[in-house]
Protein backbone atom coordinates (compact mmCIF):
# COMPACT_ATOMS: atom_id res chain seq x y z
CA UNK A 1 -44.12 217.10 28.89
CA UNK A 2 -43.62 218.15 25.22
CA UNK A 3 -40.04 217.26 24.09
CA UNK A 4 -39.11 215.84 27.35
CA UNK A 5 -37.74 212.30 27.67
CA UNK A 6 -39.70 210.03 29.80
CA UNK A 7 -36.81 208.05 31.28
CA UNK A 8 -39.20 205.75 33.04
CA UNK A 9 -40.23 204.30 29.79
CA UNK A 10 -36.68 203.48 28.85
CA UNK A 11 -35.35 200.57 30.81
CA UNK A 12 -31.73 199.70 31.62
CA UNK A 13 -32.17 196.80 29.22
CA UNK A 14 -32.77 199.24 26.37
CA UNK A 15 -29.67 201.16 27.26
CA UNK A 16 -27.52 198.09 27.59
CA UNK A 17 -28.92 196.68 24.31
CA UNK A 18 -28.17 200.06 22.58
CA UNK A 19 -24.60 199.88 23.85
CA UNK A 20 -24.14 196.24 22.90
CA UNK A 21 -25.58 196.78 19.32
CA UNK A 22 -23.30 199.91 18.80
CA UNK A 23 -20.36 197.73 19.79
CA UNK A 24 -21.49 194.88 17.64
CA UNK A 25 -21.90 197.06 14.48
CA UNK A 26 -18.43 198.37 14.98
CA UNK A 27 -17.10 194.81 15.31
CA UNK A 28 -19.07 193.61 12.38
CA UNK A 29 -17.81 196.42 10.17
CA UNK A 30 -14.21 195.83 10.87
CA UNK A 31 -14.29 192.09 10.59
CA UNK A 32 -14.04 189.90 7.52
CA UNK A 33 -17.65 188.45 7.50
CA UNK A 34 -16.79 185.83 4.98
CA UNK A 35 -13.83 184.42 6.92
CA UNK A 36 -15.30 184.86 10.41
CA UNK A 37 -18.98 183.85 9.87
CA UNK A 38 -18.95 182.45 6.32
CA UNK A 39 -21.40 185.17 5.08
CA UNK A 40 -22.07 186.32 1.58
CA UNK A 41 -22.00 190.04 0.77
CA UNK A 42 -25.82 189.88 0.53
CA UNK A 43 -26.03 188.31 3.99
CA UNK A 44 -23.71 190.86 5.36
CA UNK A 45 -25.79 193.74 4.02
CA UNK A 46 -28.87 192.20 5.52
CA UNK A 47 -27.41 191.80 9.02
CA UNK A 48 -25.94 195.32 8.97
CA UNK A 49 -29.23 196.75 7.81
CA UNK A 50 -31.01 194.92 10.72
CA UNK A 51 -28.50 196.12 13.34
CA UNK A 52 -28.68 199.67 12.18
CA UNK A 53 -32.48 199.60 12.13
CA UNK A 54 -32.57 198.11 15.67
CA UNK A 55 -30.07 200.81 16.87
CA UNK A 56 -32.32 203.56 15.41
CA UNK A 57 -35.40 202.12 16.97
CA UNK A 58 -33.92 202.03 20.43
CA UNK A 59 -32.38 205.57 19.97
CA UNK A 60 -35.90 206.84 19.13
CA UNK A 61 -37.23 205.28 22.29
CA UNK A 62 -34.42 206.74 24.36
CA UNK A 63 -34.85 210.24 22.86
CA UNK A 64 -38.59 210.05 23.22
CA UNK A 65 -39.33 210.36 19.58
């Protein structure tokens, strides 16, 4: 099974969460974080970093890496 994706280990929840986070990062990047959520630049960077890390984590699971 080298290089093959084991789709049984990837749930629909994972796929849905990946899609939702990809949508969120887009929305987050085009929004004014200060105005919308009262976030400082430092807070914004932390949130964006977490979302990106979480997306990468799920993508690795989906891709079988």
